[in-house]
Protein backbone atom coordinates (compact mmCIF):
# COMPACT_ATOMS: atom_id res chain seq x y z
CA MET A 1 -91.28 2.75 -70.38
CA LEU A 2 -93.26 -0.48 -70.33
CA PRO A 3 -90.99 -1.74 -73.13
CA VAL A 4 -87.82 -0.20 -71.41
CA LEU A 5 -88.70 -1.48 -67.77
CA GLY A 6 -89.65 -4.97 -69.58
CA ILE A 7 -86.28 -5.22 -71.51
CA SER A 8 -84.28 -5.31 -68.35
CA ALA A 9 -86.28 -8.08 -67.11
CA VAL A 10 -84.35 -10.59 -67.67
CA SER A 11 -80.67 -9.36 -67.09
CA GLU A 12 -78.49 -6.13 -66.50
CA VAL A 13 -79.10 -4.15 -70.52
CA ARG A 14 -76.85 -1.28 -71.63
CA ILE A 15 -78.58 2.36 -72.90
CA GLY A 16 -77.20 1.54 -76.77
CA ASP A 17 -78.40 -2.19 -77.01
CA ALA A 18 -81.53 -0.97 -75.24
CA VAL A 19 -81.97 1.77 -78.19
CA ASP A 20 -81.59 -0.71 -81.08
CA ARG A 21 -83.27 -3.92 -79.33
CA LEU A 22 -86.30 -1.86 -78.82
CA ALA A 23 -85.96 -0.23 -82.27
CA ASP A 24 -86.47 -3.19 -84.06
CA GLN A 25 -89.32 -4.85 -80.85
CA LEU A 26 -91.52 -1.79 -82.00
CA LYS A 27 -90.52 -2.75 -86.14
CA LEU A 28 -88.97 1.14 -86.60
CA SER A 29 -88.37 1.59 -89.79
CA PRO A 30 -85.19 3.31 -90.94
CA ASP A 31 -86.40 7.20 -91.07
CA GLU A 32 -87.85 6.36 -88.03
CA ARG A 33 -84.51 5.23 -86.34
CA SER A 34 -82.57 7.91 -87.32
CA GLN A 35 -85.14 10.98 -87.47
CA LEU A 36 -82.86 13.46 -85.77
CA LEU A 37 -83.50 16.40 -82.92
CA PRO A 38 -83.26 19.41 -83.86
CA SER A 39 -79.77 19.89 -82.08
CA GLY A 40 -78.97 16.89 -84.23
CA LYS A 41 -76.50 14.98 -82.12
CA GLN A 42 -79.45 11.97 -80.99
CA THR A 43 -81.31 10.73 -82.36
CA LEU A 44 -85.53 11.12 -81.48
CA PHE A 45 -86.22 7.67 -80.19
CA GLY A 46 -83.05 7.30 -78.37
CA ASN A 47 -83.63 10.41 -76.48
CA ARG A 48 -87.03 9.09 -75.47
CA VAL A 49 -85.03 6.11 -74.71
CA HIS A 50 -82.78 7.54 -72.08
CA TRP A 51 -85.59 10.03 -70.90
CA ALA A 52 -87.64 6.56 -69.89
CA LYS A 53 -84.44 5.40 -68.66
CA THR A 54 -84.57 8.16 -66.17
CA TYR A 55 -87.79 8.60 -65.21
CA LEU A 56 -88.17 4.89 -64.22
CA SER A 57 -85.07 4.98 -62.47
CA LYS A 58 -86.31 8.31 -60.55
CA ALA A 59 -89.19 5.98 -59.74
CA GLY A 60 -86.99 3.51 -58.48
CA LEU A 61 -88.44 0.47 -60.41
CA LEU A 62 -84.48 0.21 -62.93
CA GLU A 63 -80.87 0.66 -60.73
CA SER A 64 -77.88 2.83 -62.78
CA THR A 65 -75.62 -0.96 -62.62
CA ARG A 66 -72.60 0.69 -64.02
CA ARG A 67 -71.29 3.80 -66.82
CA GLY A 68 -74.02 2.81 -69.62
CA TYR A 69 -75.82 0.11 -67.65
CA PHE A 70 -78.73 -0.96 -65.97
CA ARG A 71 -81.49 -3.05 -64.57
CA ILE A 72 -84.81 -3.69 -63.08
CA THR A 73 -85.07 -3.15 -59.94
CA GLU A 74 -87.44 -5.58 -56.50
CA ARG A 75 -89.91 -2.84 -56.96
CA GLY A 76 -89.62 -2.92 -61.31
CA ARG A 77 -89.91 -6.61 -60.89
CA GLN A 78 -93.33 -6.06 -58.65
CA VAL A 79 -94.54 -3.22 -61.26
CA ILE A 80 -94.12 -5.76 -64.78
CA ALA A 81 -96.09 -9.18 -62.14
CA SER A 82 -98.81 -6.56 -62.59
CA ASN A 83 -99.04 -7.08 -65.97
CA PRO A 84 -99.66 -3.29 -66.67
CA THR A 85 -100.79 -2.32 -70.58
CA ARG A 86 -98.71 1.30 -70.03
CA ILE A 87 -96.88 3.27 -67.83
CA ASP A 88 -96.35 7.20 -68.01
CA ASN A 89 -95.55 10.04 -65.35
CA GLN A 90 -99.49 9.50 -63.80
CA PHE A 91 -98.49 5.68 -63.21
CA LEU A 92 -95.26 5.82 -62.07
CA ASN A 93 -96.83 9.42 -59.28
CA GLN A 94 -97.94 6.43 -56.92
CA PHE A 95 -94.01 6.17 -55.73
CA ALA A 96 -93.33 8.56 -53.91
CA GLU A 97 -89.56 8.76 -55.09
CA PHE A 98 -90.88 10.21 -58.52
CA ARG A 99 -93.17 13.21 -56.64
CA GLN A 100 -90.88 14.35 -54.92
CA PHE A 101 -88.34 13.67 -58.76
CA LYS A 102 -91.11 16.00 -60.08
CA GLU A 103 -91.94 18.19 -57.61
CA ARG A 104 -88.25 19.10 -57.83
CA SER A 105 -87.94 19.17 -61.17
CA ALA A 106 -91.07 21.87 -61.16
CA GLU A 107 -89.53 25.31 -62.12
CA SER A 108 -93.03 26.95 -62.55
CA PRO A 109 -96.26 27.05 -60.15
CA ALA A 110 -97.51 25.24 -62.95
CA THR A 111 -101.07 22.86 -62.28
CA ASP A 112 -103.44 20.53 -64.68
CA ALA A 113 -106.56 22.54 -63.74
CA ALA A 114 -108.25 19.38 -63.55
CA THR A 115 -105.85 17.05 -61.49
CA ALA A 116 -103.71 20.11 -59.52
CA GLU A 117 -100.48 18.27 -60.00
CA PRO A 118 -97.79 20.25 -62.09
CA ALA A 119 -98.39 19.79 -65.31
CA PHE A 120 -94.66 17.77 -65.57
CA VAL A 121 -96.84 14.85 -65.01
CA ASN A 122 -99.29 15.14 -68.08
CA LEU A 123 -96.53 15.45 -71.22
CA THR A 124 -96.41 12.98 -73.49
CA GLU A 125 -93.49 14.79 -74.72
CA THR A 126 -89.77 14.10 -72.98
CA PRO A 127 -88.72 17.50 -71.66
CA ASP A 128 -86.11 17.81 -74.87
CA GLU A 129 -88.49 18.00 -76.93
CA VAL A 130 -90.99 20.39 -74.72
CA MET A 131 -88.05 22.50 -74.64
CA ARG A 132 -87.32 23.19 -78.27
CA ALA A 133 -91.60 22.99 -78.83
CA ALA A 134 -91.26 25.86 -76.52
CA HIS A 135 -88.50 27.26 -78.35
CA LYS A 136 -89.78 27.15 -81.89
CA GLN A 137 -92.98 29.17 -80.52
CA ILE A 138 -90.87 31.87 -79.68
CA GLU A 139 -89.15 31.88 -82.18
CA GLY A 140 -92.24 31.77 -84.56
CA SER A 141 -94.32 35.56 -82.13
CA LEU A 142 -90.55 36.74 -83.06
CA ALA A 143 -90.98 36.11 -86.71
CA SER A 144 -93.74 37.32 -86.60
CA ASP A 145 -92.87 40.99 -85.01
CA LEU A 146 -89.92 41.13 -87.15
CA LEU A 147 -91.66 41.21 -90.14
CA ASP A 148 -94.44 43.91 -88.50
CA ARG A 149 -91.54 46.04 -88.01
CA VAL A 150 -90.37 45.28 -91.57
CA ARG A 151 -93.47 45.92 -93.42
CA ALA A 152 -93.95 49.48 -91.65
CA ALA A 153 -90.07 50.33 -91.73
CA PRO A 154 -90.06 52.58 -95.38
CA SER A 155 -88.53 51.86 -98.47
CA ALA A 156 -83.88 52.59 -97.96
CA PHE A 157 -84.32 50.64 -95.00
CA PHE A 158 -85.56 47.51 -96.16
CA GLU A 159 -83.19 47.74 -98.63
CA ARG A 160 -80.46 47.97 -95.98
CA LEU A 161 -82.26 45.27 -94.48
CA ILE A 162 -80.88 42.55 -97.07
CA VAL A 163 -77.05 44.43 -96.80
CA ASN A 164 -76.96 43.48 -93.58
CA LEU A 165 -78.64 40.09 -93.44
CA LEU A 166 -76.45 39.00 -96.91
CA LEU A 167 -73.29 40.93 -95.68
CA SER A 168 -74.40 38.38 -92.12
CA MET A 169 -74.79 35.00 -94.20
CA GLY A 170 -71.22 35.99 -95.95
CA TYR A 171 -72.61 37.52 -99.30
CA GLY A 172 -71.24 41.02 -100.76
CA GLY A 173 -67.60 42.37 -98.94
CA SER A 174 -67.86 45.15 -97.14
CA THR A 175 -71.19 46.81 -96.06
CA ALA A 176 -69.74 49.95 -97.90
CA ASP A 177 -69.99 47.75 -101.65
CA ALA A 178 -73.07 45.76 -100.07
CA GLY A 179 -75.73 49.50 -99.64
CA ARG A 180 -73.86 51.25 -103.35
CA ALA A 181 -74.67 47.82 -105.11
CA LEU A 182 -78.13 47.44 -103.39
CA GLY A 183 -79.00 50.93 -104.39
CA ARG A 184 -79.15 50.59 -107.67
CA SER A 185 -82.97 50.94 -107.74
CA GLY A 186 -84.83 51.08 -111.06
CA ASP A 187 -81.96 49.13 -112.44
CA ASP A 188 -83.69 47.06 -115.46
CA GLY A 189 -85.35 45.63 -113.67
CA VAL A 190 -82.79 44.66 -110.72
CA ASP A 191 -83.08 46.57 -107.69
CA GLY A 192 -79.33 45.17 -106.84
CA VAL A 193 -76.42 42.96 -108.08
CA ILE A 194 -74.18 41.05 -104.79
CA ASP A 195 -70.58 39.76 -104.83
CA GLN A 196 -70.18 36.15 -103.64
CA ASP A 197 -66.92 37.32 -103.74
CA ALA A 198 -64.05 39.38 -103.22
CA LEU A 199 -63.43 39.89 -107.09
CA GLY A 200 -67.42 40.29 -108.01
CA LEU A 201 -66.58 36.94 -110.36
CA ASP A 202 -69.58 35.80 -109.67
CA ARG A 203 -72.58 37.48 -108.44
CA VAL A 204 -75.82 37.26 -107.84
CA TYR A 205 -79.07 39.48 -108.60
CA ILE A 206 -81.97 40.64 -106.11
CA GLN A 207 -85.86 42.05 -106.18
CA ALA A 208 -87.50 43.09 -103.43
CA LYS A 209 -90.76 43.18 -102.43
CA ARG A 210 -91.51 45.03 -99.72
CA TYR A 211 -95.25 43.91 -99.75
CA ALA A 212 -98.34 44.00 -97.35
CA GLU A 213 -99.18 40.57 -96.33
CA GLY A 214 -101.91 38.87 -98.18
CA ASN A 215 -100.61 41.00 -101.48
CA ASN A 216 -98.86 37.63 -102.87
CA ILE A 217 -95.94 37.72 -105.70
CA GLY A 218 -97.54 36.70 -108.82
CA SER A 219 -95.77 34.44 -111.33
CA ALA A 220 -96.01 37.45 -114.01
CA ALA A 221 -93.32 39.18 -111.65
CA ILE A 222 -90.74 36.00 -112.21
CA ARG A 223 -91.17 36.40 -115.70
CA ASP A 224 -90.11 39.84 -115.68
CA PHE A 225 -87.22 39.61 -112.99
CA PHE A 226 -85.62 36.19 -115.39
CA GLY A 227 -85.81 38.60 -118.59
CA SER A 228 -84.40 40.98 -116.20
CA LEU A 229 -81.17 38.53 -115.26
CA ASP A 230 -81.16 37.67 -119.17
CA ARG A 231 -80.24 41.33 -120.06
CA HIS A 232 -77.26 41.26 -117.43
CA LYS A 233 -76.66 37.45 -118.47
CA ALA A 234 -77.02 36.61 -115.50
CA ALA A 235 -77.61 33.40 -113.71
CA LYS A 236 -78.39 33.74 -111.05
CA GLY A 237 -81.26 35.78 -108.98
CA LEU A 238 -82.48 35.98 -106.08
CA PHE A 239 -86.59 37.73 -105.13
CA VAL A 240 -87.02 38.62 -101.94
CA THR A 241 -90.46 39.90 -100.63
CA THR A 242 -92.09 40.40 -97.13
CA SER A 243 -95.52 38.83 -98.34
CA THR A 244 -95.33 35.46 -100.26
CA PHE A 245 -95.45 34.07 -104.12
CA SER A 246 -98.22 32.11 -105.30
CA PRO A 247 -98.04 28.82 -106.37
CA ALA A 248 -97.99 29.97 -110.12
CA ALA A 249 -94.93 31.67 -108.84
CA LYS A 250 -93.34 28.77 -107.81
CA GLU A 251 -93.42 26.98 -110.19
CA THR A 252 -92.37 29.39 -112.65
CA ALA A 253 -88.76 30.00 -110.76
CA GLU A 254 -88.74 25.55 -110.46
CA PHE A 255 -89.10 25.69 -114.48
CA LEU A 256 -87.28 28.84 -115.81
CA SER A 257 -84.02 27.58 -117.43
CA LYS A 258 -81.99 30.50 -114.44
CA ARG A 259 -81.83 29.37 -111.06
CA ILE A 260 -84.12 32.66 -109.14
CA VAL A 261 -83.95 31.60 -105.56
CA LEU A 262 -87.48 32.68 -103.73
CA ILE A 263 -87.60 33.69 -100.15
CA ASP A 264 -91.17 35.34 -98.82
CA GLY A 265 -92.00 36.83 -95.71
CA GLN A 266 -90.89 33.39 -93.11
CA GLN A 267 -88.30 32.69 -94.52
CA LEU A 268 -86.71 35.82 -95.10
CA ALA A 269 -87.79 36.69 -90.94
CA ARG A 270 -86.13 32.81 -89.63
CA LEU A 271 -82.94 34.09 -91.85
CA MET A 272 -82.48 37.44 -89.63
CA ILE A 273 -82.91 35.01 -86.23
CA ARG A 274 -80.74 33.48 -87.55
CA HIS A 275 -78.38 35.86 -88.48
CA ASN A 276 -79.14 37.78 -85.55
CA VAL A 277 -80.32 40.50 -88.05
CA GLY A 278 -82.79 43.26 -86.34
CA CYS A 279 -82.97 40.49 -83.20
CA ARG A 280 -80.39 39.97 -80.11
CA VAL A 281 -79.54 36.89 -77.83
CA GLU A 282 -81.62 37.82 -75.02
CA ASP A 283 -80.39 34.15 -72.75
CA VAL A 284 -78.84 31.83 -73.55
CA LEU A 285 -80.03 27.71 -71.08
CA HIS A 286 -77.51 25.50 -71.01
CA ILE A 287 -77.76 22.13 -71.15
CA LYS A 288 -75.51 19.80 -68.79
CA LYS A 289 -75.47 15.81 -68.12
CA VAL A 290 -73.55 13.83 -65.60
CA ASP A 291 -69.61 13.44 -66.36
CA GLU A 292 -69.46 9.63 -66.21
CA ASP A 293 -65.29 10.29 -66.75
CA PHE A 294 -66.09 11.97 -63.28
CA PHE A 295 -67.29 9.91 -61.36
CA GLU A 296 -65.21 7.62 -63.11
């Protein structure tokens, strides 16, 4: 926040220019400048600059002048004159306007035990980052629950799960066709065949192992699957397991002449979540911002 306040001390600043000038001032690398939020719609650094401007404005240190522009206030100049080493949420808490903003923003009674202040005050991440970290934690818990359910289910359920997942990802054509393809259990070491196109000109051969956690797939299983692909004159294979693959198994798959994709339990759960297989949307949060065109 201090660099954002300092960059506005001379004259009115456009927020886009502030992002570029601060990136230069902080000597950010090209990778750091281009790092995106998970949404892919804004850079992480740009997001932090925008939120710093918001917090400083709520504390009365900055003010908006016109669309996309801001400048320092008299209070902001007084803060700069005091030569602070750092400005953060705790620093801004001295201003009544910021405390009121914080209280309006707090939607839960969670407090910091040491300060008896809402946890919002001590955050070092922006609200976007906090929200996405919480979302990641929720999805991690969901992934764990999904894997537990899959491991506890019958083998036939695991086959149907793979059918549903591949259909959701655009493979297989129809449920009936995909189901019949995956039902060919024990066919020379191949558990199923899925067509990549409606005519079956390109096929993916599948090996599925529903193992408990810790019962990892070794390199021997990958070599056996490779041999099965060779017998079927297949160029592509998909090996799915509810456990994990050993480093040797991953290395073997990487260097074999046929393309074999490995999907372990964690990736399987992530794909299930992404394609809404075995889970459903419980709630949707809409993130909105000011419509500048409306006020123009």
